[in-house]
Structures are given as C-alpha cells and as structure tokens.
C-alpha atoms as a PDB file:
ATOM      1  CA  MET A   1      85.360  83.597  93.558  1.00  0.00           C
ATOM      2  CA  ILE A   2      87.129  85.667  96.228  1.00  0.00           C
ATOM      3  CA  GLU A   3      84.801  84.237  98.882  1.00  0.00           C
ATOM      4  CA  LYS A   4      86.554  80.883  98.474  1.00  0.00           C
ATOM      5  CA  ILE A   5      89.989  82.207  99.471  1.00  0.00           C
ATOM      6  CA  ASN A   6      88.504  84.308 102.274  1.00  0.00           C
ATOM      7  CA  SER A   7      86.863  81.243 103.780  1.00  0.00           C
ATOM      8  CA  PHE A   8      90.055  79.252 103.329  1.00  0.00           C
ATOM      9  CA  GLU A   9      92.163  81.881 105.093  1.00  0.00           C
ATOM     10  CA  ILE A  10      89.778  82.036 108.037  1.00  0.00           C
ATOM     11  CA  SER A  11      89.927  78.240 108.388  1.00  0.00           C
ATOM     12  CA  LEU A  12      93.752  78.283 108.319  1.00  0.00           C
ATOM     13  CA  ILE A  13      93.901  81.039 110.927  1.00  0.00           C
ATOM     14  CA  ASP A  14      91.523  79.128 113.181  1.00  0.00           C
ATOM     15  CA  LYS A  15      93.673  75.991 112.865  1.00  0.00           C
ATOM     16  CA  PHE A  16      96.828  78.001 113.504  1.00  0.00           C
ATOM     17  CA  ARG A  17      95.372  79.543 116.661  1.00  0.00           C
ATOM     18  CA  SER A  18      94.513  76.010 117.799  1.00  0.00           C
ATOM     19  CA  HIS A  19      98.147  74.913 117.825  1.00  0.00           C
ATOM     20  CA  PRO A  20      98.924  73.275 121.221  1.00  0.00           C
ATOM     21  CA  LEU A  21     101.614  75.837 121.961  1.00  0.00           C
ATOM     22  CA  PHE A  22      99.115  78.666 121.657  1.00  0.00           C
ATOM     23  CA  THR A  23      96.186  76.968 123.378  1.00  0.00           C
ATOM     24  CA  GLN A  24      98.355  75.999 126.354  1.00  0.00           C
ATOM     25  CA  ILE A  25     100.695  78.952 126.360  1.00  0.00           C
ATOM     26  CA  ASP A  26     100.019  79.657 130.057  1.00  0.00           C
ATOM     27  CA  ALA A  27     101.728  76.352 130.911  1.00  0.00           C
ATOM     28  CA  ILE A  28     105.068  77.360 129.359  1.00  0.00           C
ATOM     29  CA  PRO A  29     107.765  78.372 131.885  1.00  0.00           C
ATOM     30  CA  TRP A  30     108.997  81.900 131.291  1.00  0.00           C
ATOM     31  CA  GLN A  31     112.542  80.854 130.397  1.00  0.00           C
ATOM     32  CA  ASP A  32     111.189  78.446 127.784  1.00  0.00           C
ATOM     33  CA  LEU A  33     109.001  81.194 126.368  1.00  0.00           C
ATOM     34  CA  LEU A  34     112.060  83.411 125.945  1.00  0.00           C
ATOM     35  CA  GLU A  35     113.816  80.626 124.045  1.00  0.00           C
ATOM     36  CA  ILE A  36     110.806  80.307 121.731  1.00  0.00           C
ATOM     37  CA  LEU A  37     110.788  84.050 121.100  1.00  0.00           C
ATOM     38  CA  ILE A  38     114.526  84.045 120.386  1.00  0.00           C
ATOM     39  CA  GLN A  39     114.070  81.224 117.875  1.00  0.00           C
ATOM     40  CA  ARG A  40     111.186  83.200 116.345  1.00  0.00           C
ATOM     41  CA  ARG A  41     113.639  86.097 115.944  1.00  0.00           C
ATOM     42  CA  PHE A  42     115.485  84.102 113.263  1.00  0.00           C
ATOM     43  CA  LEU A  43     112.342  84.197 111.109  1.00  0.00           C
ATOM     44  CA  SER A  44     112.000  87.929 111.728  1.00  0.00           C
ATOM     45  CA  LEU A  45     115.570  88.490 110.580  1.00  0.00           C
ATOM     46  CA  SER A  46     114.725  86.880 107.225  1.00  0.00           C
ATOM     47  CA  ILE A  47     111.908  89.337 106.477  1.00  0.00           C
ATOM     48  CA  VAL A  48     114.122  91.891 104.736  1.00  0.00           C
ATOM     49  CA  ASN A  49     115.549  89.312 102.322  1.00  0.00           C
ATOM     50  CA  ILE A  50     112.081  87.962 101.580  1.00  0.00           C
ATOM     51  CA  TYR A  51     110.741  91.435 100.798  1.00  0.00           C
ATOM     52  CA  GLU A  52     113.748  92.313  98.662  1.00  0.00           C
ATOM     53  CA  PHE A  53     113.353  89.050  96.727  1.00  0.00           C
ATOM     54  CA  ALA A  54     109.718  89.922  96.076  1.00  0.00           C
ATOM     55  CA  ILE A  55     110.605  93.402  94.837  1.00  0.00           C
ATOM     56  CA  ASP A  56     113.075  91.963  92.326  1.00  0.00           C
ATOM     57  CA  ALA A  57     110.677  89.217  91.201  1.00  0.00           C
ATOM     58  CA  LEU A  58     107.495  91.272  90.864  1.00  0.00           C
ATOM     59  CA  ALA A  59     106.718  92.892  87.510  1.00  0.00           C
ATOM     60  CA  ASP A  60     103.831  95.171  88.549  1.00  0.00           C
ATOM     61  CA  GLU A  61     105.103  98.623  89.554  1.00  0.00           C
ATOM     62  CA  GLN A  62     102.087  99.323  91.752  1.00  0.00           C
ATOM     63  CA  ILE A  63     102.761  96.209  93.806  1.00  0.00           C
ATOM     64  CA  LYS A  64     106.482  97.002  93.947  1.00  0.00           C
ATOM     65  CA  ARG A  65     105.671 100.411  95.451  1.00  0.00           C
ATOM     66  CA  THR A  66     103.487  98.827  98.103  1.00  0.00           C
ATOM     67  CA  VAL A  67     106.136  96.240  98.956  1.00  0.00           C
ATOM     68  CA  ARG A  68     108.880  98.897  99.069  1.00  0.00           C
ATOM     69  CA  GLY A  69     106.754 100.983 101.405  1.00  0.00           C
ATOM     70  CA  ILE A  70     106.295  98.071 103.806  1.00  0.00           C
ATOM     71  CA  LEU A  71     110.001  97.202 103.621  1.00  0.00           C
ATOM     72  CA  ASN A  72     111.012 100.801 104.299  1.00  0.00           C
ATOM     73  CA  GLU A  73     109.080 100.679 107.560  1.00  0.00           C
ATOM     74  CA  GLU A  74     111.698  98.190 108.769  1.00  0.00           C
ATOM     75  CA  PHE A  75     114.112 101.136 108.800  1.00  0.00           C
ATOM     76  CA  PRO A  76     112.061 104.141 109.976  1.00  0.00           C
ATOM     77  CA  ARG A  77     113.213 107.771 109.962  1.00  0.00           C
ATOM     78  CA  ASN A  78     111.938 110.818 111.784  1.00  0.00           C
ATOM     79  CA  THR A  79     110.461 113.869 110.061  1.00  0.00           C
ATOM     80  CA  LYS A  80     113.992 115.240 109.492  1.00  0.00           C
ATOM     81  CA  GLY A  81     115.104 112.063 107.758  1.00  0.00           C
ATOM     82  CA  ILE A  82     117.290 110.899 110.619  1.00  0.00           C
ATOM     83  CA  PRO A  83     117.317 107.091 111.002  1.00  0.00           C
ATOM     84  CA  LEU A  84     115.451 105.701 113.997  1.00  0.00           C
ATOM     85  CA  PRO A  85     115.966 102.249 115.574  1.00  0.00           C
ATOM     86  CA  SER A  86     115.173  99.553 113.016  1.00  0.00           C
ATOM     87  CA  HIS A  87     112.558  96.894 113.630  1.00  0.00           C
ATOM     88  CA  ARG A  88     115.410  94.464 114.233  1.00  0.00           C
ATOM     89  CA  GLU A  89     116.694  96.736 117.012  1.00  0.00           C
ATOM     90  CA  LEU A  90     113.206  97.139 118.469  1.00  0.00           C
ATOM     91  CA  LEU A  91     112.777  93.354 118.549  1.00  0.00           C
ATOM     92  CA  PHE A  92     116.099  93.050 120.365  1.00  0.00           C
ATOM     93  CA  GLN A  93     114.991  95.660 122.906  1.00  0.00           C
ATOM     94  CA  ASP A  94     111.626  93.980 123.473  1.00  0.00           C
ATOM     95  CA  LEU A  95     113.430  90.703 124.188  1.00  0.00           C
ATOM     96  CA  LEU A  96     115.726  92.444 126.669  1.00  0.00           C
ATOM     97  CA  ASN A  97     112.723  94.023 128.362  1.00  0.00           C
ATOM     98  CA  LEU A  98     111.110  90.585 128.591  1.00  0.00           C
ATOM     99  CA  GLY A  99     114.097  89.313 130.567  1.00  0.00           C
ATOM    100  CA  ALA A 100     116.456  87.857 127.974  1.00  0.00           C
ATOM    101  CA  THR A 101     120.117  88.784 128.112  1.00  0.00           C
ATOM    102  CA  SER A 102     122.156  90.026 125.166  1.00  0.00           C
ATOM    103  CA  GLU A 103     124.192  86.827 125.283  1.00  0.00           C
ATOM    104  CA  MET A 104     121.055  84.670 125.184  1.00  0.00           C
ATOM    105  CA  ILE A 105     119.739  86.508 122.145  1.00  0.00           C
ATOM    106  CA  LEU A 106     122.991  86.715 120.212  1.00  0.00           C
ATOM    107  CA  ALA A 107     124.563  83.376 121.100  1.00  0.00           C
ATOM    108  CA  MET A 108     121.575  81.025 121.051  1.00  0.00           C
ATOM    109  CA  PRO A 109     122.011  78.746 118.029  1.00  0.00           C
ATOM    110  CA  GLU A 110     119.295  78.371 115.452  1.00  0.00           C
ATOM    111  CA  THR A 111     117.637  74.966 115.686  1.00  0.00           C
ATOM    112  CA  ALA A 112     117.541  72.612 112.718  1.00  0.00           C
ATOM    113  CA  ILE A 113     113.763  73.032 112.489  1.00  0.00           C
ATOM    114  CA  THR A 114     113.960  76.821 112.529  1.00  0.00           C
ATOM    115  CA  LYS A 115     116.570  76.755 109.775  1.00  0.00           C
ATOM    116  CA  MET A 116     114.447  74.304 107.777  1.00  0.00           C
ATOM    117  CA  VAL A 117     111.427  76.600 108.047  1.00  0.00           C
ATOM    118  CA  ARG A 118     113.494  79.578 106.875  1.00  0.00           C
ATOM    119  CA  ASP A 119     115.042  77.659 104.003  1.00  0.00           C
ATOM    120  CA  GLU A 120     111.780  76.072 102.858  1.00  0.00           C
ATOM    121  CA  SER A 121     109.993  79.427 103.057  1.00  0.00           C
ATOM    122  CA  TYR A 122     112.571  80.937 100.726  1.00  0.00           C
ATOM    123  CA  LYS A 123     112.341  77.911  98.414  1.00  0.00           C
ATOM    124  CA  LEU A 124     108.576  78.349  98.301  1.00  0.00           C
ATOM    125  CA  MET A 125     109.080  81.860  96.945  1.00  0.00           C
ATOM    126  CA  VAL A 126     111.672  80.694  94.424  1.00  0.00           C
ATOM    127  CA  GLY A 127     109.327  77.898  93.366  1.00  0.00           C
ATOM    128  CA  CYS A 128     106.714  80.467  92.414  1.00  0.00           C
ATOM    129  CA  LEU A 129     108.958  81.743  89.617  1.00  0.00           C
ATOM    130  CA  SER A 130     108.428  78.668  87.449  1.00  0.00           C
ATOM    131  CA  GLU A 131     104.650  78.729  87.783  1.00  0.00           C
ATOM    132  CA  LYS A 132     102.149  80.313  85.375  1.00  0.00           C
ATOM    133  CA  TYR A 133     100.644  82.484  88.102  1.00  0.00           C
ATOM    134  CA  PHE A 134     103.909  83.295  89.857  1.00  0.00           C
ATOM    135  CA  GLN A 135     103.105  86.996  90.328  1.00  0.00           C
ATOM    136  CA  VAL A 136      99.923  86.311  92.266  1.00  0.00           C
ATOM    137  CA  GLY A 137     101.715  83.492  94.090  1.00  0.00           C
ATOM    138  CA  LEU A 138     104.432  85.848  95.318  1.00  0.00           C
ATOM    139  CA  VAL A 139     101.891  88.343  96.616  1.00  0.00           C
ATOM    140  CA  ALA A 140      99.878  85.576  98.286  1.00  0.00           C
ATOM    141  CA  PHE A 141     102.988  84.192  99.997  1.00  0.00           C
ATOM    142  CA  LEU A 142     104.270  87.592 101.075  1.00  0.00           C
ATOM    143  CA  ARG A 143     100.919  88.632 102.495  1.00  0.00           C
ATOM    144  CA  PHE A 144     100.109  85.391 104.289  1.00  0.00           C
ATOM    145  CA  TRP A 145     103.553  84.304 105.535  1.00  0.00           C
ATOM    146  CA  ALA A 146     105.006  87.710 106.368  1.00  0.00           C
ATOM    147  CA  GLU A 147     101.911  89.654 107.441  1.00  0.00           C
ATOM    148  CA  VAL A 148      98.706  87.730 108.186  1.00  0.00           C
ATOM    149  CA  LEU A 149     100.282  84.843 110.101  1.00  0.00           C
ATOM    150  CA  VAL A 150     102.785  87.136 111.822  1.00  0.00           C
ATOM    151  CA  SER A 151      99.932  89.106 113.329  1.00  0.00           C
ATOM    152  CA  VAL A 152      98.214  85.881 114.402  1.00  0.00           C
ATOM    153  CA  GLU A 153     101.434  84.572 115.967  1.00  0.00           C
ATOM    154  CA  TYR A 154     102.034  87.721 117.967  1.00  0.00           C
ATOM    155  CA  SER A 155      98.403  88.019 119.045  1.00  0.00           C
ATOM    156  CA  CYS A 156      98.626  84.488 120.468  1.00  0.00           C
ATOM    157  CA  LEU A 157     102.006  85.143 122.094  1.00  0.00           C
ATOM    158  CA  TRP A 158     100.815  88.518 123.398  1.00  0.00           C
ATOM    159  CA  GLN A 159      98.851  86.719 126.105  1.00  0.00           C
ATOM    160  CA  ARG A 160     102.198  86.031 127.796  1.00  0.00           C
ATOM    161  CA  ILE A 161     104.243  88.930 126.459  1.00  0.00           C
ATOM    162  CA  SER A 162     101.699  91.341 127.974  1.00  0.00           C
ATOM    163  CA  GLU A 163     102.600  90.031 131.420  1.00  0.00           C
ATOM    164  CA  ARG A 164     105.731  92.192 131.181  1.00  0.00           C
ATOM    165  CA  LEU A 165     105.182  94.594 128.276  1.00  0.00           C
ATOM    166  CA  SER A 166     102.278  96.892 127.506  1.00  0.00           C
ATOM    167  CA  ASN A 167     100.525  98.388 124.500  1.00  0.00           C
ATOM    168  CA  GLY A 168     101.495 101.818 125.794  1.00  0.00           C
ATOM    169  CA  GLN A 169      98.462 102.249 128.032  1.00  0.00           C
ATOM    170  CA  SER A 170     100.106 101.058 131.254  1.00  0.00           C
ATOM    171  CA  ASN A 171     102.093 103.094 133.761  1.00  0.00           C
ATOM    172  CA  HIS A 172     103.564  99.953 135.288  1.00  0.00           C
ATOM    173  CA  LYS A 173     104.939  98.109 132.259  1.00  0.00           C
ATOM    174  CA  ILE A 174     107.430  99.013 129.552  1.00  0.00           C
ATOM    175  CA  ARG A 175     105.834  99.643 126.177  1.00  0.00           C
ATOM    176  CA  SER A 176     106.362  96.984 123.501  1.00  0.00           C
ATOM    177  CA  GLU A 177     107.807  98.635 120.411  1.00  0.00           C
ATOM    178  CA  PHE A 178     107.973  95.503 118.247  1.00  0.00           C
ATOM    179  CA  TYR A 179     105.487  92.760 119.098  1.00  0.00           C
ATOM    180  CA  TYR A 180     102.469  94.975 119.684  1.00  0.00           C
ATOM    181  CA  PHE A 181     103.192  97.115 116.612  1.00  0.00           C
ATOM    182  CA  HIS A 182     103.339  94.080 114.318  1.00  0.00           C
ATOM    183  CA  MET A 183     100.316  92.457 115.909  1.00  0.00           C
ATOM    184  CA  ILE A 184      98.268  95.526 114.942  1.00  0.00           C
ATOM    185  CA  HIS A 185      99.841  96.749 111.698  1.00  0.00           C
ATOM    186  CA  ASP A 186     100.183  93.345 110.012  1.00  0.00           C
ATOM    187  CA  SER A 187      96.674  92.185 110.864  1.00  0.00           C
ATOM    188  CA  ARG A 188      94.095  90.737 108.473  1.00  0.00           C
ATOM    189  CA  ASN A 189      91.473  93.271 109.508  1.00  0.00           C
ATOM    190  CA  SER A 190      89.034  92.428 106.729  1.00  0.00           C
ATOM    191  CA  ASP A 191      88.271  89.910 104.048  1.00  0.00           C
ATOM    192  CA  ILE A 192      89.946  90.375 100.684  1.00  0.00           C
ATOM    193  CA  GLY A 193      87.829  92.833  98.733  1.00  0.00           C
ATOM    194  CA  LYS A 194      86.369  94.434 101.863  1.00  0.00           C
ATOM    195  CA  GLU A 195      89.189  96.870 102.680  1.00  0.00           C
ATOM    196  CA  ASN A 196      88.159 100.238 104.082  1.00  0.00           C
ATOM    197  CA  PHE A 197      90.601 103.094 103.502  1.00  0.00           C
ATOM    198  CA  LEU A 198      89.139 105.139 106.347  1.00  0.00           C
ATOM    199  CA  GLY A 199      91.523 104.942 109.278  1.00  0.00           C
ATOM    200  CA  GLY A 200      94.291 103.462 107.124  1.00  0.00           C
ATOM    201  CA  LEU A 201      95.133  99.972 105.952  1.00  0.00           C
ATOM    202  CA  THR A 202      97.227  97.293 107.592  1.00  0.00           C
ATOM    203  CA  HIS A 203     100.037  95.661 105.629  1.00  0.00           C
ATOM    204  CA  SER A 204      97.847  92.617 105.023  1.00  0.00           C
ATOM    205  CA  GLN A 205      95.103  94.816 103.604  1.00  0.00           C
ATOM    206  CA  GLU A 206      97.496  96.783 101.389  1.00  0.00           C
ATOM    207  CA  LEU A 207      98.651  93.543  99.780  1.00  0.00           C
ATOM    208  CA  ALA A 208      95.123  92.134  99.666  1.00  0.00           C
ATOM    209  CA  ILE A 209      94.074  94.917  97.298  1.00  0.00           C
ATOM    210  CA  HIS A 210      96.697  93.765  94.800  1.00  0.00           C
ATOM    211  CA  LEU A 211      95.893  90.101  95.408  1.00  0.00           C
ATOM    212  CA  GLU A 212      92.246  90.607  94.495  1.00  0.00           C
ATOM    213  CA  ARG A 213      93.257  92.368  91.281  1.00  0.00           C
ATOM    214  CA  LEU A 214      95.594  89.518  90.299  1.00  0.00           C
ATOM    215  CA  ILE A 215      93.128  86.691  90.957  1.00  0.00           C
ATOM    216  CA  THR A 216      91.510  86.694  87.531  1.00  0.00           C
ATOM    217  CA  SER A 217      90.668  83.012  87.162  1.00  0.00           C
ATOM    218  CA  GLU A 218      89.788  79.921  89.146  1.00  0.00           C
ATOM    219  CA  ASP A 219      93.252  78.485  88.420  1.00  0.00           C
ATOM    220  CA  ALA A 220      94.936  81.576  89.839  1.00  0.00           C
ATOM    221  CA  LEU A 221      92.701  81.353  92.888  1.00  0.00           C
ATOM    222  CA  LEU A 222      93.541  77.696  93.484  1.00  0.00           C
ATOM    223  CA  TYR A 223      97.244  78.458  93.124  1.00  0.00           C
ATOM    224  CA  CYS A 224      96.968  81.185  95.792  1.00  0.00           C
ATOM    225  CA  ILE A 225      95.180  78.798  98.114  1.00  0.00           C
ATOM    226  CA  ASN A 226      97.954  76.233  97.631  1.00  0.00           C
ATOM    227  CA  VAL A 227     100.687  78.802  98.331  1.00  0.00           C
ATOM    228  CA  GLU A 228      98.946  80.006 101.480  1.00  0.00           C
ATOM    229  CA  ASP A 229      98.446  76.446 102.692  1.00  0.00           C
ATOM    230  CA  ASN A 230     102.178  75.762 102.263  1.00  0.00           C
ATOM    231  CA  ALA A 231     103.018  78.961 104.140  1.00  0.00           C
ATOM    232  CA  TYR A 232     100.708  77.899 106.966  1.00  0.00           C
ATOM    233  CA  GLN A 233     102.264  74.424 107.124  1.00  0.00           C
ATOM    234  CA  LEU A 234     105.742  75.904 107.488  1.00  0.00           C
ATOM    235  CA  LYS A 235     104.741  78.233 110.315  1.00  0.00           C
ATOM    236  CA  TYR A 236     102.871  75.381 112.042  1.00  0.00           C
ATOM    237  CA  LYS A 237     106.014  73.195 111.859  1.00  0.00           C
ATOM    238  CA  PHE A 238     108.026  75.971 113.472  1.00  0.00           C
ATOM    239  CA  TYR A 239     105.851  75.835 116.591  1.00  0.00           C
ATOM    240  CA  ASP A 240     105.639  72.030 116.528  1.00  0.00           C
ATOM    241  CA  GLN A 241     109.290  71.847 117.520  1.00  0.00           C
ATOM    242  CA  PHE A 242     108.505  73.323 120.945  1.00  0.00           C
ATOM    243  CA  VAL A 243     105.723  70.878 121.791  1.00  0.00           C
ATOM    244  CA  GLY A 244     107.311  67.439 121.536  1.00  0.00           C
ATOM    245  CA  ASP A 245     109.817  67.902 124.370  1.00  0.00           C
ATOM    246  CA  ARG A 246     107.279  69.357 126.772  1.00  0.00           C
ATOM    247  CA  PRO A 247     104.973  66.769 128.321  1.00  0.00           C
ATOM    248  CA  ASN A 248     102.627  69.499 129.554  1.00  0.00           C
ATOM    249  CA  LEU A 249     101.990  70.551 125.959  1.00  0.00           C
ATOM    250  CA  SER A 250     100.336  67.872 123.875  1.00  0.00           C
ATOM    251  CA  GLU A 251      97.815  67.535 121.099  1.00  0.00           C
END
C-alpha cells in the first residue's frame, strides 16, 4: 500500500522540478531572482504558524513531540541555552549576502498570488479537521508542504544561489546558513518505510515514520495522496506567477 504514495510523491517531485522557472533558472536576471526569493520569504515566515497549528490539532503525543522538535529548530540555542539567530534571521542574512538590501527585503509588498498561496495553504490544513482521516492528513500536509517540497525548491534554486553563497566548503564565498541547511535537513532522503536511523533522519523522514503508522487503510492512503497533490498545486502556483511576465521563461 505504501508503494502507491511513494510512487505518487516521486512523480509530483519530478513534475515540480520541471517547472519552467526551475528548468530555465539560468535565464533569470539576478535582480529578478532576488525578488523571487524575497517573495518566497513570505512563505517561510508562515512556517511557525503552520507548525503551531499542527501541534494544537494533532492528538498523538509522539507526533506532537516530533513536530515540536522541528519547530524548536527554528529558534536554536547553544549548549548553554543562549538563543542563537533564528531561521528567520538566517534567511534575512542569506538574502543580504546574495545582494538584496534591507529595504528591499522589508518593504517589498507581498503579491496577490503569494498571499493566496499562503491563505489557501492554511485553509488546506483547516479543511483537514472536518475529515475522517484528519490526523494523517495534517501529517501528510506538514511533511510535504513544509519539508519535502521546501527541500526540492531550494535544491532547484541552489543552482543560482550557489553563484554567491557556498555550502561551507569554499574559501571564496560566504556560507549559506539558511538555504543550504534547509535543502539538506528537510530532504526526502528515502521512501516512506525505508528510513535509516544511522546518520540521523531529515525532517521529512521523521514525519514519514509517523505517516506510515497512520496510513492504516486504502481510504487513508488516498486521502494523503489528495492532500499532497493539493500542497503541490499550491507551491506550483507560487512559481507560476514569475513565469507569465517573462518572455524568456515559457512552458
């Protein structure tokens, strides 16, 4: 049964990677790329609310602990318990290091499409509450929208981001503290049910363990597939908004 959702996820990821913005990312002028990344920041800023909603809505204490652990990473502390820069701050710094100004980042208005994607993503979570399999639906949404697709997005964008930022292995570029971290730690590194604890789990894998446990019937499986498809459609629409006005980027 799990093989069906694994195959479905792989097909969605392949389609997502084939978005015109990603396949022709080299054709995007740098200033336009910065604007795309700043719009993408609005989705990043909604992550905390989405995770907190999930914590309140989930009934399973094991899943709550996993979700809390991932959320707490947004606000890291050192070994003495002293707060370190949050992920929001690290994103801001990465954007500055890529060439954006503080005014660009803070004053750029959210587009109507970006706001729609944020609002509809939240509504998708709320909509799960009235469904029979809402617990598994919440986990499926959280994992796919906030982890799996995030890693795919940043891996596609990394092709350009890496022109100015590094993974920490370069002496000539500033290290990325946000994009590279999320590209690696959110990744779907294995099929559901194939997680290997050796070397640690990514956020996607941590949630996948719970997802497999909750998918106890074909109906639950089909509901997960539907939720993930809706999450994919929303993320795809976000990037669609940057294609129409650019004649060099077309289907």
